[in-house]
Amino acid sequence: VHEAERLTRKFIEAAWTPALVALYGDIPGRDAARQLTTAEQWALKREPDAVMLTTFAKLAVRAQHWLKAQRYLNQLVRTAPSAEARHGRGIGLGCDRGHALC
């Protein structure tokens, strides 16, 4: 898994694609907080879109950075309003089941 995270990060650096960014958020690396810090650096070079915000939120949840996860989820809802975003589906929150962040 560590190698998958490292390779995906390298591919993103070489050739940015939304599919790779989404994949990065799905890879359970050894250190979710470090993954999140790496991903957040992308926002310094690119305007965060729905894919980036979803990735940030997933990584924040895995790192147990609840306030960041909530902030990214809120940004996601503003950027790309959908029922899935409003309920935290797809990022591990399960807001339709009453998660505390929702």
PDB file of N, CA and C in Angstrom:
ATOM      1  N   VAL A   1       0.834  -1.193   0.000  1.00  0.00           N
ATOM      2  CA  VAL A   1       0.000   0.000   0.000  1.00  0.00           C
ATOM      3  C   VAL A   1       0.878   1.256   0.000  1.00  0.00           C
ATOM      4  N   HIS A   2       1.947   1.237   0.791  1.00  0.00           N
ATOM      5  CA  HIS A   2       2.842   2.398   0.836  1.00  0.00           C
ATOM      6  C   HIS A   2       3.393   2.693  -0.557  1.00  0.00           C
ATOM      7  N   GLU A   3       3.764   1.651  -1.274  1.00  0.00           N
ATOM      8  CA  GLU A   3       4.307   1.830  -2.619  1.00  0.00           C
ATOM      9  C   GLU A   3       3.243   2.399  -3.561  1.00  0.00           C
ATOM     10  N   ALA A   4       1.998   1.964  -3.421  1.00  0.00           N
ATOM     11  CA  ALA A   4       0.911   2.494  -4.263  1.00  0.00           C
ATOM     12  C   ALA A   4       0.718   3.987  -4.014  1.00  0.00           C
ATOM     13  N   GLU A   5       0.784   4.390  -2.760  1.00  0.00           N
ATOM     14  CA  GLU A   5       0.645   5.812  -2.428  1.00  0.00           C
ATOM     15  C   GLU A   5       1.790   6.616  -3.036  1.00  0.00           C
ATOM     16  N   ARG A   6       3.005   6.117  -2.889  1.00  0.00           N
ATOM     17  CA  ARG A   6       4.178   6.817  -3.403  1.00  0.00           C
ATOM     18  C   ARG A   6       4.133   6.933  -4.928  1.00  0.00           C
ATOM     19  N   LEU A   7       3.799   5.840  -5.595  1.00  0.00           N
ATOM     20  CA  LEU A   7       3.742   5.862  -7.058  1.00  0.00           C
ATOM     21  C   LEU A   7       2.634   6.774  -7.565  1.00  0.00           C
ATOM     22  N   THR A   8       1.484   6.735  -6.925  1.00  0.00           N
ATOM     23  CA  THR A   8       0.377   7.597  -7.348  1.00  0.00           C
ATOM     24  C   THR A   8       0.759   9.058  -7.176  1.00  0.00           C
ATOM     25  N   ARG A   9       1.400   9.385  -6.069  1.00  0.00           N
ATOM     26  CA  ARG A   9       1.866  10.758  -5.833  1.00  0.00           C
ATOM     27  C   ARG A   9       2.838  11.186  -6.932  1.00  0.00           C
ATOM     28  N   LYS A  10       3.760  10.308  -7.303  1.00  0.00           N
ATOM     29  CA  LYS A  10       4.730  10.619  -8.366  1.00  0.00           C
ATOM     30  C   LYS A  10       4.027  10.834  -9.709  1.00  0.00           C
ATOM     31  N   PHE A  11       3.046   9.978 -10.011  1.00  0.00           N
ATOM     32  CA  PHE A  11       2.301  10.132 -11.263  1.00  0.00           C
ATOM     33  C   PHE A  11       1.534  11.450 -11.288  1.00  0.00           C
ATOM     34  N   ILE A  12       0.957  11.839 -10.156  1.00  0.00           N
ATOM     35  CA  ILE A  12       0.228  13.109 -10.072  1.00  0.00           C
ATOM     36  C   ILE A  12       1.184  14.275 -10.320  1.00  0.00           C
ATOM     37  N   GLU A  13       2.372  14.196  -9.755  1.00  0.00           N
ATOM     38  CA  GLU A  13       3.356  15.256  -9.958  1.00  0.00           C
ATOM     39  C   GLU A  13       3.771  15.357 -11.426  1.00  0.00           C
ATOM     40  N   ALA A  14       3.843  14.212 -12.102  1.00  0.00           N
ATOM     41  CA  ALA A  14       4.285  14.189 -13.500  1.00  0.00           C
ATOM     42  C   ALA A  14       3.164  14.539 -14.476  1.00  0.00           C
ATOM     43  N   ALA A  15       1.962  14.062 -14.199  1.00  0.00           N
ATOM     44  CA  ALA A  15       0.847  14.253 -15.135  1.00  0.00           C
ATOM     45  C   ALA A  15      -0.461  14.310 -14.349  1.00  0.00           C
ATOM     46  N   TRP A  16      -0.853  15.507 -13.999  1.00  0.00           N
ATOM     47  CA  TRP A  16      -2.066  15.728 -13.195  1.00  0.00           C
ATOM     48  C   TRP A  16      -3.307  15.235 -13.931  1.00  0.00           C
ATOM     49  N   THR A  17      -4.074  14.380 -13.268  1.00  0.00           N
ATOM     50  CA  THR A  17      -5.392  13.996 -13.786  1.00  0.00           C
ATOM     51  C   THR A  17      -6.341  13.848 -12.596  1.00  0.00           C
ATOM     52  N   PRO A  18      -7.604  14.221 -12.778  1.00  0.00           N
ATOM     53  CA  PRO A  18      -8.570  14.056 -11.694  1.00  0.00           C
ATOM     54  C   PRO A  18      -8.688  12.599 -11.226  1.00  0.00           C
ATOM     55  N   ALA A  19      -8.563  11.656 -12.144  1.00  0.00           N
ATOM     56  CA  ALA A  19      -8.678  10.241 -11.766  1.00  0.00           C
ATOM     57  C   ALA A  19      -7.569   9.843 -10.790  1.00  0.00           C
ATOM     58  N   LEU A  20      -6.347  10.327 -11.020  1.00  0.00           N
ATOM     59  CA  LEU A  20      -5.247  10.014 -10.109  1.00  0.00           C
ATOM     60  C   LEU A  20      -5.435  10.695  -8.755  1.00  0.00           C
ATOM     61  N   VAL A  21      -5.948  11.918  -8.775  1.00  0.00           N
ATOM     62  CA  VAL A  21      -6.205  12.631  -7.519  1.00  0.00           C
ATOM     63  C   VAL A  21      -7.259  11.874  -6.705  1.00  0.00           C
ATOM     64  N   ALA A  22      -8.302  11.408  -7.367  1.00  0.00           N
ATOM     65  CA  ALA A  22      -9.339  10.626  -6.673  1.00  0.00           C
ATOM     66  C   ALA A  22      -8.750   9.333  -6.121  1.00  0.00           C
ATOM     67  N   LEU A  23      -7.920   8.674  -6.916  1.00  0.00           N
ATOM     68  CA  LEU A  23      -7.280   7.433  -6.474  1.00  0.00           C
ATOM     69  C   LEU A  23      -6.418   7.675  -5.242  1.00  0.00           C
ATOM     70  N   TYR A  24      -5.690   8.778  -5.222  1.00  0.00           N
ATOM     71  CA  TYR A  24      -4.827   9.103  -4.086  1.00  0.00           C
ATOM     72  C   TYR A  24      -5.642   9.156  -2.787  1.00  0.00           C
ATOM     73  N   GLY A  25      -6.838   9.683  -2.865  1.00  0.00           N
ATOM     74  CA  GLY A  25      -7.689   9.755  -1.676  1.00  0.00           C
ATOM     75  C   GLY A  25      -8.222   8.411  -1.224  1.00  0.00           C
ATOM     76  N   ASP A  26      -8.165   7.423  -2.104  1.00  0.00           N
ATOM     77  CA  ASP A  26      -8.668   6.091  -1.766  1.00  0.00           C
ATOM     78  C   ASP A  26      -7.581   5.143  -1.262  1.00  0.00           C
ATOM     79  N   ILE A  27      -6.328   5.535  -1.402  1.00  0.00           N
ATOM     80  CA  ILE A  27      -5.229   4.662  -0.993  1.00  0.00           C
ATOM     81  C   ILE A  27      -4.998   4.806   0.509  1.00  0.00           C
ATOM     82  N   PRO A  28      -5.147   3.718   1.249  1.00  0.00           N
ATOM     83  CA  PRO A  28      -4.919   3.787   2.696  1.00  0.00           C
ATOM     84  C   PRO A  28      -3.426   3.725   3.013  1.00  0.00           C
ATOM     85  N   GLY A  29      -2.774   4.865   2.969  1.00  0.00           N
ATOM     86  CA  GLY A  29      -1.341   4.928   3.250  1.00  0.00           C
ATOM     87  C   GLY A  29      -1.049   4.730   4.723  1.00  0.00           C
ATOM     88  N   ARG A  30       0.231   4.697   5.048  1.00  0.00           N
ATOM     89  CA  ARG A  30       0.658   4.507   6.442  1.00  0.00           C
ATOM     90  C   ARG A  30       0.353   5.713   7.312  1.00  0.00           C
ATOM     91  N   ASP A  31       0.377   6.894   6.706  1.00  0.00           N
ATOM     92  CA  ASP A  31       0.242   8.136   7.480  1.00  0.00           C
ATOM     93  C   ASP A  31      -0.741   9.066   6.763  1.00  0.00           C
ATOM     94  N   ALA A  32      -1.996   8.980   7.140  1.00  0.00           N
ATOM     95  CA  ALA A  32      -3.037   9.768   6.480  1.00  0.00           C
ATOM     96  C   ALA A  32      -2.806  11.264   6.657  1.00  0.00           C
ATOM     97  N   ALA A  33      -2.248  11.678   7.779  1.00  0.00           N
ATOM     98  CA  ALA A  33      -1.980  13.102   7.999  1.00  0.00           C
ATOM     99  C   ALA A  33      -0.929  13.598   7.006  1.00  0.00           C
ATOM    100  N   ARG A  34       0.085  12.800   6.754  1.00  0.00           N
ATOM    101  CA  ARG A  34       1.109  13.185   5.780  1.00  0.00           C
ATOM    102  C   ARG A  34       0.519  13.205   4.377  1.00  0.00           C
ATOM    103  N   GLN A  35      -0.327  12.229   4.065  1.00  0.00           N
ATOM    104  CA  GLN A  35      -0.996  12.219   2.767  1.00  0.00           C
ATOM    105  C   GLN A  35      -1.827  13.491   2.591  1.00  0.00           C
ATOM    106  N   LEU A  36      -2.537  13.871   3.639  1.00  0.00           N
ATOM    107  CA  LEU A  36      -3.366  15.068   3.579  1.00  0.00           C
ATOM    108  C   LEU A  36      -2.501  16.306   3.343  1.00  0.00           C
ATOM    109  N   THR A  37      -1.388  16.419   4.050  1.00  0.00           N
ATOM    110  CA  THR A  37      -0.492  17.557   3.864  1.00  0.00           C
ATOM    111  C   THR A  37       0.016  17.613   2.429  1.00  0.00           C
ATOM    112  N   THR A  38       0.384  16.462   1.892  1.00  0.00           N
ATOM    113  CA  THR A  38       0.830  16.390   0.496  1.00  0.00           C
ATOM    114  C   THR A  38      -0.272  16.871  -0.438  1.00  0.00           C
ATOM    115  N   ALA A  39      -1.472  16.363  -0.249  1.00  0.00           N
ATOM    116  CA  ALA A  39      -2.590  16.728  -1.124  1.00  0.00           C
ATOM    117  C   ALA A  39      -2.934  18.214  -1.001  1.00  0.00           C
ATOM    118  N   GLU A  40      -2.893  18.744   0.204  1.00  0.00           N
ATOM    119  CA  GLU A  40      -3.222  20.154   0.398  1.00  0.00           C
ATOM    120  C   GLU A  40      -2.253  21.072  -0.347  1.00  0.00           C
ATOM    121  N   GLN A  41      -1.033  20.617  -0.573  1.00  0.00           N
ATOM    122  CA  GLN A  41      -0.064  21.408  -1.325  1.00  0.00           C
ATOM    123  C   GLN A  41      -0.514  21.614  -2.773  1.00  0.00           C
ATOM    124  N   TRP A  42      -1.305  20.701  -3.287  1.00  0.00           N
ATOM    125  CA  TRP A  42      -1.807  20.825  -4.659  1.00  0.00           C
ATOM    126  C   TRP A  42      -2.669  22.067  -4.808  1.00  0.00           C
ATOM    127  N   ALA A  43      -3.361  22.447  -3.739  1.00  0.00           N
ATOM    128  CA  ALA A  43      -4.247  23.614  -3.795  1.00  0.00           C
ATOM    129  C   ALA A  43      -3.458  24.916  -3.919  1.00  0.00           C
ATOM    130  N   LEU A  44      -2.157  24.869  -3.680  1.00  0.00           N
ATOM    131  CA  LEU A  44      -1.329  26.053  -3.876  1.00  0.00           C
ATOM    132  C   LEU A  44      -1.068  26.310  -5.357  1.00  0.00           C
ATOM    133  N   LYS A  45      -1.205  25.252  -6.166  1.00  0.00           N
ATOM    134  CA  LYS A  45      -0.934  25.354  -7.602  1.00  0.00           C
ATOM    135  C   LYS A  45      -2.199  25.331  -8.451  1.00  0.00           C
ATOM    136  N   ARG A  46      -3.270  24.799  -7.896  1.00  0.00           N
ATOM    137  CA  ARG A  46      -4.520  24.639  -8.652  1.00  0.00           C
ATOM    138  C   ARG A  46      -5.704  25.040  -7.780  1.00  0.00           C
ATOM    139  N   GLU A  47      -6.703  25.582  -8.431  1.00  0.00           N
ATOM    140  CA  GLU A  47      -7.949  25.899  -7.720  1.00  0.00           C
ATOM    141  C   GLU A  47      -8.618  24.576  -7.318  1.00  0.00           C
ATOM    142  N   PRO A  48      -8.922  24.405  -6.033  1.00  0.00           N
ATOM    143  CA  PRO A  48      -9.562  23.150  -5.616  1.00  0.00           C
ATOM    144  C   PRO A  48     -10.910  22.943  -6.313  1.00  0.00           C
ATOM    145  N   ASP A  49     -11.063  21.781  -6.896  1.00  0.00           N
ATOM    146  CA  ASP A  49     -12.324  21.408  -7.525  1.00  0.00           C
ATOM    147  C   ASP A  49     -12.968  20.301  -6.693  1.00  0.00           C
ATOM    148  N   ALA A  50     -14.062  19.772  -7.173  1.00  0.00           N
ATOM    149  CA  ALA A  50     -14.809  18.757  -6.413  1.00  0.00           C
ATOM    150  C   ALA A  50     -13.950  17.518  -6.141  1.00  0.00           C
ATOM    151  N   VAL A  51     -13.157  17.112  -7.116  1.00  0.00           N
ATOM    152  CA  VAL A  51     -12.315  15.920  -6.930  1.00  0.00           C
ATOM    153  C   VAL A  51     -11.270  16.176  -5.843  1.00  0.00           C
ATOM    154  N   MET A  52     -10.611  17.319  -5.904  1.00  0.00           N
ATOM    155  CA  MET A  52      -9.612  17.644  -4.878  1.00  0.00           C
ATOM    156  C   MET A  52     -10.251  17.743  -3.503  1.00  0.00           C
ATOM    157  N   LEU A  53     -11.376  18.431  -3.403  1.00  0.00           N
ATOM    158  CA  LEU A  53     -12.028  18.599  -2.106  1.00  0.00           C
ATOM    159  C   LEU A  53     -12.488  17.266  -1.533  1.00  0.00           C
ATOM    160  N   THR A  54     -12.973  16.380  -2.391  1.00  0.00           N
ATOM    161  CA  THR A  54     -13.367  15.039  -1.936  1.00  0.00           C
ATOM    162  C   THR A  54     -12.148  14.292  -1.410  1.00  0.00           C
ATOM    163  N   THR A  55     -11.041  14.375  -2.146  1.00  0.00           N
ATOM    164  CA  THR A  55      -9.803  13.726  -1.712  1.00  0.00           C
ATOM    165  C   THR A  55      -9.338  14.297  -0.379  1.00  0.00           C
ATOM    166  N   PHE A  56      -9.342  15.621  -0.252  1.00  0.00           N
ATOM    167  CA  PHE A  56      -8.946  16.256   1.008  1.00  0.00           C
ATOM    168  C   PHE A  56      -9.836  15.775   2.158  1.00  0.00           C
ATOM    169  N   ALA A  57     -11.136  15.747   1.924  1.00  0.00           N
ATOM    170  CA  ALA A  57     -12.071  15.331   2.978  1.00  0.00           C
ATOM    171  C   ALA A  57     -11.835  13.884   3.382  1.00  0.00           C
ATOM    172  N   LYS A  58     -11.641  13.000   2.409  1.00  0.00           N
ATOM    173  CA  LYS A  58     -11.382  11.583   2.725  1.00  0.00           C
ATOM    174  C   LYS A  58     -10.129  11.437   3.579  1.00  0.00           C
ATOM    175  N   LEU A  59      -9.074  12.125   3.170  1.00  0.00           N
ATOM    176  CA  LEU A  59      -7.818  12.026   3.905  1.00  0.00           C
ATOM    177  C   LEU A  59      -7.943  12.636   5.298  1.00  0.00           C
ATOM    178  N   ALA A  60      -8.679  13.736   5.423  1.00  0.00           N
ATOM    179  CA  ALA A  60      -8.885  14.359   6.737  1.00  0.00           C
ATOM    180  C   ALA A  60      -9.655  13.420   7.664  1.00  0.00           C
ATOM    181  N   VAL A  61     -10.634  12.719   7.132  1.00  0.00           N
ATOM    182  CA  VAL A  61     -11.389  11.755   7.942  1.00  0.00           C
ATOM    183  C   VAL A  61     -10.453  10.642   8.412  1.00  0.00           C
ATOM    184  N   ARG A  62      -9.663  10.097   7.492  1.00  0.00           N
ATOM    185  CA  ARG A  62      -8.745   9.014   7.867  1.00  0.00           C
ATOM    186  C   ARG A  62      -7.694   9.479   8.879  1.00  0.00           C
ATOM    187  N   ALA A  63      -7.283  10.740   8.777  1.00  0.00           N
ATOM    188  CA  ALA A  63      -6.306  11.298   9.722  1.00  0.00           C
ATOM    189  C   ALA A  63      -6.975  11.748  11.020  1.00  0.00           C
ATOM    190  N   GLN A  64      -8.272  11.658  11.076  1.00  0.00           N
ATOM    191  CA  GLN A  64      -9.077  12.089  12.218  1.00  0.00           C
ATOM    192  C   GLN A  64      -8.909  13.580  12.505  1.00  0.00           C
ATOM    193  N   HIS A  65      -8.778  14.340  11.436  1.00  0.00           N
ATOM    194  CA  HIS A  65      -8.764  15.805  11.522  1.00  0.00           C
ATOM    195  C   HIS A  65     -10.185  16.275  11.224  1.00  0.00           C
ATOM    196  N   TRP A  66     -11.018  16.185  12.225  1.00  0.00           N
ATOM    197  CA  TRP A  66     -12.455  16.373  12.048  1.00  0.00           C
ATOM    198  C   TRP A  66     -12.823  17.773  11.569  1.00  0.00           C
ATOM    199  N   LEU A  67     -12.191  18.798  12.092  1.00  0.00           N
ATOM    200  CA  LEU A  67     -12.526  20.162  11.662  1.00  0.00           C
ATOM    201  C   LEU A  67     -12.151  20.387  10.201  1.00  0.00           C
ATOM    202  N   LYS A  68     -11.003  19.865   9.788  1.00  0.00           N
ATOM    203  CA  LYS A  68     -10.621  19.973   8.379  1.00  0.00           C
ATOM    204  C   LYS A  68     -11.598  19.192   7.513  1.00  0.00           C
ATOM    205  N   ALA A  69     -11.967  18.013   7.948  1.00  0.00           N
ATOM    206  CA  ALA A  69     -12.909  17.203   7.174  1.00  0.00           C
ATOM    207  C   ALA A  69     -14.223  17.961   6.988  1.00  0.00           C
ATOM    208  N   GLN A  70     -14.697  18.583   8.055  1.00  0.00           N
ATOM    209  CA  GLN A  70     -15.935  19.350   7.969  1.00  0.00           C
ATOM    210  C   GLN A  70     -15.781  20.544   7.034  1.00  0.00           C
ATOM    211  N   ARG A  71     -14.643  21.237   7.129  1.00  0.00           N
ATOM    212  CA  ARG A  71     -14.398  22.387   6.262  1.00  0.00           C
ATOM    213  C   ARG A  71     -14.374  21.966   4.789  1.00  0.00           C
ATOM    214  N   TYR A  72     -13.690  20.859   4.492  1.00  0.00           N
ATOM    215  CA  TYR A  72     -13.636  20.402   3.104  1.00  0.00           C
ATOM    216  C   TYR A  72     -14.990  19.918   2.611  1.00  0.00           C
ATOM    217  N   LEU A  73     -15.741  19.280   3.478  1.00  0.00           N
ATOM    218  CA  LEU A  73     -17.084  18.844   3.100  1.00  0.00           C
ATOM    219  C   LEU A  73     -17.963  20.055   2.803  1.00  0.00           C
ATOM    220  N   ASN A  74     -17.877  21.089   3.635  1.00  0.00           N
ATOM    221  CA  ASN A  74     -18.656  22.311   3.399  1.00  0.00           C
ATOM    222  C   ASN A  74     -18.258  22.973   2.083  1.00  0.00           C
ATOM    223  N   GLN A  75     -16.945  23.036   1.811  1.00  0.00           N
ATOM    224  CA  GLN A  75     -16.478  23.593   0.542  1.00  0.00           C
ATOM    225  C   GLN A  75     -16.990  22.766  -0.633  1.00  0.00           C
ATOM    226  N   LEU A  76     -16.979  21.459  -0.471  1.00  0.00           N
ATOM    227  CA  LEU A  76     -17.451  20.568  -1.531  1.00  0.00           C
ATOM    228  C   LEU A  76     -18.915  20.824  -1.842  1.00  0.00           C
ATOM    229  N   VAL A  77     -19.722  20.986  -0.817  1.00  0.00           N
ATOM    230  CA  VAL A  77     -21.149  21.249  -1.020  1.00  0.00           C
ATOM    231  C   VAL A  77     -21.347  22.570  -1.754  1.00  0.00           C
ATOM    232  N   ARG A  78     -20.538  23.576  -1.420  1.00  0.00           N
ATOM    233  CA  ARG A  78     -20.642  24.866  -2.115  1.00  0.00           C
ATOM    234  C   ARG A  78     -20.141  24.769  -3.554  1.00  0.00           C
ATOM    235  N   THR A  79     -19.092  23.992  -3.776  1.00  0.00           N
ATOM    236  CA  THR A  79     -18.484  23.876  -5.098  1.00  0.00           C
ATOM    237  C   THR A  79     -19.311  23.001  -6.037  1.00  0.00           C
ATOM    238  N   ALA A  80     -19.776  21.885  -5.527  1.00  0.00           N
ATOM    239  CA  ALA A  80     -20.504  20.912  -6.350  1.00  0.00           C
ATOM    240  C   ALA A  80     -21.665  20.357  -5.540  1.00  0.00           C
ATOM    241  N   PRO A  81     -22.732  21.147  -5.402  1.00  0.00           N
ATOM    242  CA  PRO A  81     -23.854  20.700  -4.576  1.00  0.00           C
ATOM    243  C   PRO A  81     -24.455  19.396  -5.103  1.00  0.00           C
ATOM    244  N   SER A  82     -24.585  18.444  -4.227  1.00  0.00           N
ATOM    245  CA  SER A  82     -25.222  17.172  -4.566  1.00  0.00           C
ATOM    246  C   SER A  82     -25.685  16.518  -3.276  1.00  0.00           C
ATOM    247  N   ALA A  83     -26.585  15.579  -3.400  1.00  0.00           N
ATOM    248  CA  ALA A  83     -27.052  14.852  -2.223  1.00  0.00           C
ATOM    249  C   ALA A  83     -25.901  14.077  -1.595  1.00  0.00           C
ATOM    250  N   GLU A  84     -25.023  13.516  -2.438  1.00  0.00           N
ATOM    251  CA  GLU A  84     -23.893  12.752  -1.925  1.00  0.00           C
ATOM    252  C   GLU A  84     -22.976  13.643  -1.085  1.00  0.00           C
ATOM    253  N   ALA A  85     -22.684  14.826  -1.587  1.00  0.00           N
ATOM    254  CA  ALA A  85     -21.815  15.746  -0.845  1.00  0.00           C
ATOM    255  C   ALA A  85     -22.484  16.189   0.445  1.00  0.00           C
ATOM    256  N   ARG A  86     -23.760  16.535   0.384  1.00  0.00           N
ATOM    257  CA  ARG A  86     -24.456  17.017   1.588  1.00  0.00           C
ATOM    258  C   ARG A  86     -24.501  15.952   2.672  1.00  0.00           C
ATOM    259  N   HIS A  87     -24.515  14.691   2.292  1.00  0.00           N
ATOM    260  CA  HIS A  87     -24.615  13.609   3.271  1.00  0.00           C
ATOM    261  C   HIS A  87     -23.283  12.930   3.544  1.00  0.00           C
ATOM    262  N   GLY A  88     -22.202  13.465   2.979  1.00  0.00           N
ATOM    263  CA  GLY A  88     -20.884  12.915   3.252  1.00  0.00           C
ATOM    264  C   GLY A  88     -20.648  11.542   2.673  1.00  0.00           C
ATOM    265  N   ARG A  89     -21.478  11.142   1.732  1.00  0.00           N
ATOM    266  CA  ARG A  89     -21.294   9.829   1.122  1.00  0.00           C
ATOM    267  C   ARG A  89     -20.040   9.841   0.260  1.00  0.00           C
ATOM    268  N   GLY A  90     -19.335   8.755   0.257  1.00  0.00           N
ATOM    269  CA  GLY A  90     -18.152   8.636  -0.565  1.00  0.00           C
ATOM    270  C   GLY A  90     -16.881   9.142   0.091  1.00  0.00           C
ATOM    271  N   ILE A  91     -17.001   9.733   1.284  1.00  0.00           N
ATOM    272  CA  ILE A  91     -15.784  10.170   1.968  1.00  0.00           C
ATOM    273  C   ILE A  91     -15.656   9.527   3.345  1.00  0.00           C
ATOM    274  N   GLY A  92     -16.542   8.619   3.661  1.00  0.00           N
ATOM    275  CA  GLY A  92     -16.409   7.894   4.906  1.00  0.00           C
ATOM    276  C   GLY A  92     -17.120   8.504   6.100  1.00  0.00           C
ATOM    277  N   LEU A  93     -17.938   9.523   5.853  1.00  0.00           N
ATOM    278  CA  LEU A  93     -18.645  10.131   6.979  1.00  0.00           C
ATOM    279  C   LEU A  93     -19.979   9.466   7.262  1.00  0.00           C
ATOM    280  N   GLY A  94     -20.681   9.085   6.231  1.00  0.00           N
ATOM    281  CA  GLY A  94     -21.986   8.472   6.450  1.00  0.00           C
ATOM    282  C   GLY A  94     -22.936   9.396   7.172  1.00  0.00           C
ATOM    283  N   CYS A  95     -23.018  10.653   6.717  1.00  0.00           N
ATOM    284  CA  CYS A  95     -23.861  11.640   7.402  1.00  0.00           C
ATOM    285  C   CYS A  95     -25.328  11.242   7.392  1.00  0.00           C
ATOM    286  N   ASP A  96     -25.695  10.399   6.452  1.00  0.00           N
ATOM    287  CA  ASP A  96     -27.072   9.919   6.448  1.00  0.00           C
ATOM    288  C   ASP A  96     -27.318   9.009   7.647  1.00  0.00           C
ATOM    289  N   ARG A  97     -26.248   8.624   8.366  1.00  0.00           N
ATOM    290  CA  ARG A  97     -26.383   7.789   9.555  1.00  0.00           C
ATOM    291  C   ARG A  97     -26.098   8.578  10.826  1.00  0.00           C
ATOM    292  N   GLY A  98     -26.036   9.911  10.701  1.00  0.00           N
ATOM    293  CA  GLY A  98     -25.912  10.757  11.886  1.00  0.00           C
ATOM    294  C   GLY A  98     -24.512  10.953  12.425  1.00  0.00           C
ATOM    295  N   HIS A  99     -23.512  11.003  11.564  1.00  0.00           N
ATOM    296  CA  HIS A  99     -22.138  11.253  12.026  1.00  0.00           C
ATOM    297  C   HIS A  99     -22.063  12.639  12.672  1.00  0.00           C
ATOM    298  N   ALA A 100     -21.204  12.780  13.637  1.00  0.00           N
ATOM    299  CA  ALA A 100     -21.113  14.017  14.423  1.00  0.00           C
ATOM    300  C   ALA A 100     -20.706  15.235  13.588  1.00  0.00           C
ATOM    301  N   LEU A 101     -20.015  15.038  12.467  1.00  0.00           N
ATOM    302  CA  LEU A 101     -19.592  16.176  11.654  1.00  0.00           C
ATOM    303  C   LEU A 101     -20.706  16.754  10.815  1.00  0.00           C
ATOM    304  N   CYS A 102     -21.789  16.049  10.713  1.00  0.00           N
ATOM    305  CA  CYS A 102     -22.848  16.467   9.791  1.00  0.00           C
ATOM    306  C   CYS A 102     -23.905  17.310  10.474  1.00  0.00           C
TER     307      CYS A 102
END
